[in-house]
Amino acid sequence: MEYGVWSVEFGVGNTIKAVVLAAGKGTRLRQEDGDAPKVMREAYGKPLLWYVLDALSFIEKKDTVVVVGYKKDEVIGCFKGYAFAEQAKQLGFAEQAEQLGTGHATMAAAGKLSGFGGAVLVCYGDMPLVRQDTYRSLISAHLEQGNDCTILTGDSDIRLPYGRIMRDADGGFLSVVEESDCTEKQLAITELNSGVYVFRAPLLLDALREIRPDNAQGEYYLTDVPAVMRGNGAKVGIHRRDLGNEILGVNTSEQLALVEEIISVRS
C-alpha cells in the first residue's frame, strides 16, 4: 500500500496534526556520554528524531509540531544535509523552556493547536522504533470509533518500566497506574501504556489545564490526561497491539545500543 498524506487520503475533515515531544536533556545519557540533546543521539547514522519524523511522513510537515527545549537550536537545525531537509523547514516548533514533565511539554504546543478542531497525535522523539503502520492504525481506530482520546497500549517482549492499563468491568479504560505505584497484582498486568495518544485537540487543551503536578517529581504528566477527560465525560478508547520492541525509548547508552542493533536488522 502506498501511503499518501493523511489529509489527502481521508479528506480535509479528517486532517490530523502531530506533536512530537523532543525537549528532554537525556540526563542519564549526558552523564554517560557527552551533552547532546537526547533526540540528537545517533543510531545507525541518524538522529533518533529522524526516525520518528520519517515514520510520521504521512502527516504533512506543516501539521507537525516538534517541542524543543534543551539545546533547541541544535535540534531545529539537525536535518541539514538530509533528503527531506527542505520539507523539514515546514515543521512547526514550540519551546518548552523548563522541563516539567510530558504534560507540560504538550502544553508548550498549545499555541500551535489553538483553533484546531481535529485530532492530534502525541508521540516522542526518543522512540525511534515505532512503525508507521502502528501510528496509522492508532489514528484509524481513533477516527473510526469516534473517540475523544485513544491510547496506544500493548505487550512488549522487552522488560519496560511503563504504566499499566486499568480497565473497568466492561473492558473499558479506567486509568493508568505508573509502575512505581502498582500493587503486586497490578504489576502482573501485561498491557502497557506506550505513552502515545491521539486526542480531539480542543478537549486535550481543556484537560491539560486541569492536570496538576501532585507527584513526587512535581511534574505535569500527560498520562493523567485520559483520566481527566474520562471524568469530564469524554470517550476514551484503547487501541491494543502487540508492540514488541517498538515502544522502547532511549534513556541509557545500553538502550541506545539496543535500538541501533534493532534498526540495523530492520535495514
Protein backbone atom coordinates (compact mmCIF):
# COMPACT_ATOMS: atom_id res chain seq x y z
CA MET A 1 0.00 0.00 0.00
CA GLU A 2 1.34 3.40 -0.88
CA TYR A 3 0.92 5.95 1.86
CA GLY A 4 -0.48 9.31 0.90
CA VAL A 5 -0.65 12.38 3.08
CA TRP A 6 -3.34 11.80 5.68
CA SER A 7 -5.48 14.83 4.81
CA VAL A 8 -5.47 13.81 1.14
CA GLU A 9 -6.26 10.17 1.78
CA PHE A 10 -9.09 10.70 4.24
CA GLY A 11 -10.42 14.10 3.29
CA VAL A 12 -9.98 17.55 4.79
CA GLY A 13 -12.43 16.78 7.60
CA ASN A 14 -10.06 14.14 8.95
CA THR A 15 -6.89 16.20 8.97
CA ILE A 16 -4.58 15.44 11.84
CA LYS A 17 -1.68 17.20 13.48
CA ALA A 18 1.24 15.59 15.26
CA VAL A 19 3.09 16.83 18.34
CA VAL A 20 6.50 15.27 18.87
CA LEU A 21 7.97 15.75 22.34
CA ALA A 22 11.69 16.36 21.89
CA ALA A 23 12.75 18.78 24.62
CA GLY A 24 14.49 16.44 27.02
CA LYS A 25 18.10 16.63 28.13
CA GLY A 26 18.59 12.91 28.48
CA THR A 27 20.28 13.31 31.86
CA ARG A 28 21.50 9.72 32.18
CA LEU A 29 22.90 9.75 28.65
CA ARG A 30 24.64 13.07 29.31
CA GLN A 31 26.28 11.61 32.39
CA GLU A 32 27.46 8.63 30.38
CA ASP A 33 28.38 10.17 27.04
CA GLY A 34 28.52 13.93 26.39
CA ASP A 35 25.86 16.61 26.45
CA ALA A 36 23.95 16.31 23.16
CA PRO A 37 20.14 16.53 23.37
CA LYS A 38 18.61 13.09 23.77
CA VAL A 39 16.76 13.13 20.44
CA MET A 40 20.02 14.05 18.68
CA ARG A 41 21.77 10.87 19.76
CA GLU A 42 22.55 8.86 16.66
CA ALA A 43 21.52 5.28 15.95
CA TYR A 44 22.77 3.66 12.76
CA GLY A 45 23.98 7.00 11.46
CA LYS A 46 20.89 9.15 12.02
CA PRO A 47 19.45 11.10 14.99
CA LEU A 48 16.67 9.38 16.93
CA LEU A 49 14.32 12.19 15.96
CA TRP A 50 14.94 11.49 12.28
CA TYR A 51 13.39 8.04 12.57
CA VAL A 52 10.32 9.42 14.34
CA LEU A 53 9.69 12.10 11.73
CA ASP A 54 10.29 9.58 8.95
CA ALA A 55 7.59 7.32 10.44
CA LEU A 56 5.28 10.37 10.57
CA SER A 57 5.89 11.25 6.92
CA PHE A 58 2.24 10.54 6.09
CA ILE A 59 1.35 13.69 8.06
CA GLU A 60 2.24 16.95 6.35
CA LYS A 61 5.29 18.67 7.80
CA LYS A 62 3.30 21.89 8.25
CA ASP A 63 0.96 19.92 10.55
CA THR A 64 3.81 18.53 12.64
CA VAL A 65 4.98 20.37 15.75
CA VAL A 66 8.26 19.46 17.43
CA VAL A 67 8.51 20.57 21.06
CA VAL A 68 12.11 21.56 21.73
CA GLY A 69 13.92 22.71 24.84
CA TYR A 70 17.44 21.66 25.75
CA LYS A 71 19.85 22.91 23.06
CA LYS A 72 16.85 23.77 20.88
CA ASP A 73 18.91 25.31 18.06
CA GLU A 74 20.84 22.08 17.66
CA VAL A 75 17.59 20.12 17.34
CA ILE A 76 15.95 22.62 14.97
CA GLY A 77 18.98 22.59 12.68
CA CYS A 78 19.61 18.86 12.73
CA PHE A 79 18.22 17.98 9.30
CA LYS A 80 20.58 19.94 7.09
CA GLY A 81 22.02 17.60 4.53
CA TYR A 82 19.23 15.04 4.69
CA ALA A 83 17.00 14.26 1.73
CA PHE A 84 13.93 15.93 3.24
CA ALA A 85 15.79 18.98 4.59
CA GLU A 86 13.66 21.34 2.52
CA GLN A 87 10.45 19.71 3.75
CA ALA A 88 11.77 19.88 7.31
CA LYS A 89 11.77 23.67 7.04
CA GLN A 90 7.97 23.47 7.11
CA LEU A 91 7.96 21.87 10.57
CA GLY A 92 6.48 23.87 13.41
CA PHE A 93 8.46 24.24 16.62
CA ALA A 94 7.34 25.05 20.14
CA GLU A 95 9.63 25.65 23.08
CA GLN A 96 9.41 24.06 26.50
CA ALA A 97 11.72 26.44 28.31
CA GLU A 98 11.67 24.43 31.55
CA GLN A 99 11.30 20.66 31.65
CA LEU A 100 8.35 19.99 33.95
CA GLY A 101 7.04 16.72 32.55
CA THR A 102 5.33 15.34 29.48
CA GLY A 103 2.07 17.15 30.17
CA HIS A 104 3.95 20.42 30.48
CA ALA A 105 5.77 19.69 27.20
CA THR A 106 2.45 19.11 25.45
CA MET A 107 1.15 22.38 26.91
CA ALA A 108 4.04 24.12 25.15
CA ALA A 109 2.44 23.20 21.82
CA ALA A 110 -0.94 24.68 22.77
CA GLY A 111 -0.39 27.80 20.68
CA LYS A 112 0.10 25.64 17.58
CA LEU A 113 -3.16 23.79 18.27
CA SER A 114 -5.33 26.79 19.13
CA GLY A 115 -8.42 26.90 16.91
CA PHE A 116 -7.76 23.41 15.51
CA GLY A 117 -10.76 21.12 15.92
CA GLY A 118 -9.32 17.89 14.56
CA ALA A 119 -7.25 15.08 16.03
CA VAL A 120 -3.71 15.39 17.33
CA LEU A 121 -1.22 12.56 17.69
CA VAL A 122 1.22 12.99 20.58
CA CYS A 123 4.39 10.92 20.47
CA TYR A 124 8.05 11.01 21.49
CA GLY A 125 11.25 11.96 19.72
CA ASP A 126 13.25 9.35 21.65
CA MET A 127 11.13 6.37 20.50
CA PRO A 128 12.55 5.70 17.02
CA LEU A 129 11.24 2.15 16.63
CA VAL A 130 7.51 2.88 16.39
CA ARG A 131 6.46 1.91 12.88
CA GLN A 132 4.36 4.00 10.54
CA ASP A 133 1.77 1.20 10.46
CA THR A 134 1.38 1.50 14.22
CA TYR A 135 0.78 5.25 14.12
CA ARG A 136 -1.66 4.88 11.25
CA SER A 137 -3.52 2.03 12.93
CA LEU A 138 -3.91 4.12 16.10
CA ILE A 139 -5.24 7.10 14.16
CA SER A 140 -7.64 4.93 12.18
CA ALA A 141 -9.03 3.40 15.37
CA HIS A 142 -9.49 6.86 16.88
CA LEU A 143 -11.41 8.16 13.87
CA GLU A 144 -13.46 5.02 13.26
CA GLN A 145 -14.55 4.72 16.89
CA GLY A 146 -15.30 8.43 17.25
CA ASN A 147 -13.11 8.69 20.34
CA ASP A 148 -12.03 11.87 22.09
CA CYS A 149 -8.86 10.13 23.24
CA THR A 150 -7.31 6.87 22.08
CA ILE A 151 -4.41 5.28 23.94
CA LEU A 152 -1.89 3.03 22.23
CA THR A 153 -1.30 0.06 24.52
CA GLY A 154 0.22 -3.35 24.14
CA ASP A 155 2.53 -6.07 25.30
CA SER A 156 6.27 -5.90 24.81
CA ASP A 157 8.94 -8.57 24.59
CA ILE A 158 11.30 -6.20 26.41
CA ARG A 159 11.10 -5.52 30.15
CA LEU A 160 9.95 -1.91 30.35
CA PRO A 161 9.08 0.17 33.46
CA TYR A 162 5.87 1.52 31.94
CA GLY A 163 2.49 2.25 33.44
CA ARG A 164 -0.16 -0.45 33.46
CA ILE A 165 -3.61 -0.02 31.92
CA MET A 166 -6.51 -0.39 34.31
CA ARG A 167 -9.81 -1.43 32.74
CA ASP A 168 -13.32 -1.39 34.17
CA ALA A 169 -15.67 -4.39 34.40
CA ASP A 170 -16.71 -3.88 30.79
CA GLY A 171 -13.14 -3.75 29.50
CA GLY A 172 -13.12 0.00 29.00
CA PHE A 173 -10.39 2.39 30.06
CA LEU A 174 -10.27 3.25 33.73
CA SER A 175 -6.83 4.72 34.42
CA VAL A 176 -3.08 4.40 34.02
CA VAL A 177 -1.09 3.36 37.08
CA GLU A 178 2.62 4.09 36.91
CA GLU A 179 4.81 1.07 37.65
CA SER A 180 6.22 2.65 40.80
CA ASP A 181 2.68 2.96 42.18
CA CYS A 182 1.46 -0.52 41.18
CA THR A 183 0.41 -3.16 43.65
CA GLU A 184 1.79 -6.67 43.19
CA LYS A 185 -1.43 -7.64 41.40
CA GLN A 186 -1.24 -4.64 39.09
CA LEU A 187 2.39 -5.39 38.23
CA ALA A 188 1.19 -8.71 36.80
CA ILE A 189 -0.81 -6.83 34.16
CA THR A 190 0.98 -7.13 30.82
CA GLU A 191 -0.90 -4.35 29.00
CA LEU A 192 1.46 -1.37 29.00
CA ASN A 193 0.78 2.28 28.33
CA SER A 194 3.01 3.23 25.39
CA GLY A 195 2.64 6.96 26.12
CA VAL A 196 1.43 7.53 22.55
CA TYR A 197 -2.05 9.00 22.15
CA VAL A 198 -4.48 10.57 19.74
CA PHE A 199 -6.72 13.30 21.17
CA ARG A 200 -9.50 15.53 19.98
CA ALA A 201 -7.49 18.73 20.09
CA PRO A 202 -9.89 21.10 21.93
CA LEU A 203 -10.56 18.51 24.65
CA LEU A 204 -6.85 17.86 25.04
CA LEU A 205 -6.20 21.54 25.65
CA ASP A 206 -9.04 21.67 28.19
CA ALA A 207 -7.69 18.65 30.06
CA LEU A 208 -4.13 19.97 30.10
CA ARG A 209 -5.38 22.97 32.04
CA GLU A 210 -6.73 20.62 34.72
CA ILE A 211 -3.76 18.37 35.41
CA ARG A 212 -1.65 19.16 38.45
CA PRO A 213 1.93 18.32 39.48
CA ASP A 214 0.74 16.35 42.51
CA ASN A 215 3.54 13.79 42.49
CA ALA A 216 7.00 13.28 43.94
CA GLN A 217 8.65 14.80 40.86
CA GLY A 218 6.43 17.90 40.87
CA GLU A 219 5.76 17.39 37.16
CA TYR A 220 2.73 17.57 34.87
CA TYR A 221 2.10 14.11 33.44
CA LEU A 222 0.45 13.50 30.09
CA THR A 223 -0.62 10.13 31.49
CA ASP A 224 -3.10 11.99 33.72
CA VAL A 225 -4.95 13.48 30.75
CA PRO A 226 -7.04 10.43 29.67
CA ALA A 227 -8.45 10.01 33.18
CA VAL A 228 -9.26 13.73 33.37
CA MET A 229 -11.02 13.52 30.01
CA ARG A 230 -12.93 10.41 31.10
CA GLY A 231 -14.02 12.23 34.26
CA ASN A 232 -15.32 15.05 32.07
CA GLY A 233 -17.48 12.64 30.09
CA ALA A 234 -15.20 12.26 27.08
CA LYS A 235 -14.99 8.99 25.17
CA VAL A 236 -11.64 7.36 25.89
CA GLY A 237 -10.71 4.30 23.85
CA ILE A 238 -7.85 1.82 23.86
CA HIS A 239 -6.02 0.54 20.80
CA ARG A 240 -4.09 -2.56 21.82
CA ARG A 241 -1.37 -4.07 19.63
CA ASP A 242 1.50 -6.48 20.01
CA LEU A 243 4.16 -3.79 20.15
CA GLY A 244 7.23 -5.97 20.63
CA ASN A 245 10.25 -3.69 20.81
CA GLU A 246 8.55 -0.68 19.15
CA ILE A 247 7.92 1.27 22.33
CA LEU A 248 11.49 1.08 23.59
CA GLY A 249 12.60 4.59 24.50
CA VAL A 250 16.21 5.70 24.80
CA ASN A 251 17.36 6.80 28.24
CA THR A 252 20.67 4.99 28.63
CA SER A 253 23.65 4.09 26.47
CA GLU A 254 22.59 0.43 26.69
CA GLN A 255 19.15 1.26 25.30
CA LEU A 256 20.73 3.34 22.55
CA ALA A 257 22.94 0.39 21.58
CA LEU A 258 19.91 -1.94 21.55
CA VAL A 259 17.93 0.48 19.37
CA GLU A 260 20.83 0.73 16.95
CA GLU A 261 21.05 -3.05 16.74
CA ILE A 262 17.31 -3.35 16.02
CA ILE A 263 17.43 -0.63 13.35
CA SER A 264 20.42 -2.30 11.66
CA VAL A 265 18.49 -5.58 11.42
CA ARG A 266 15.40 -3.80 10.06
CA SER A 267 17.51 -2.08 7.45
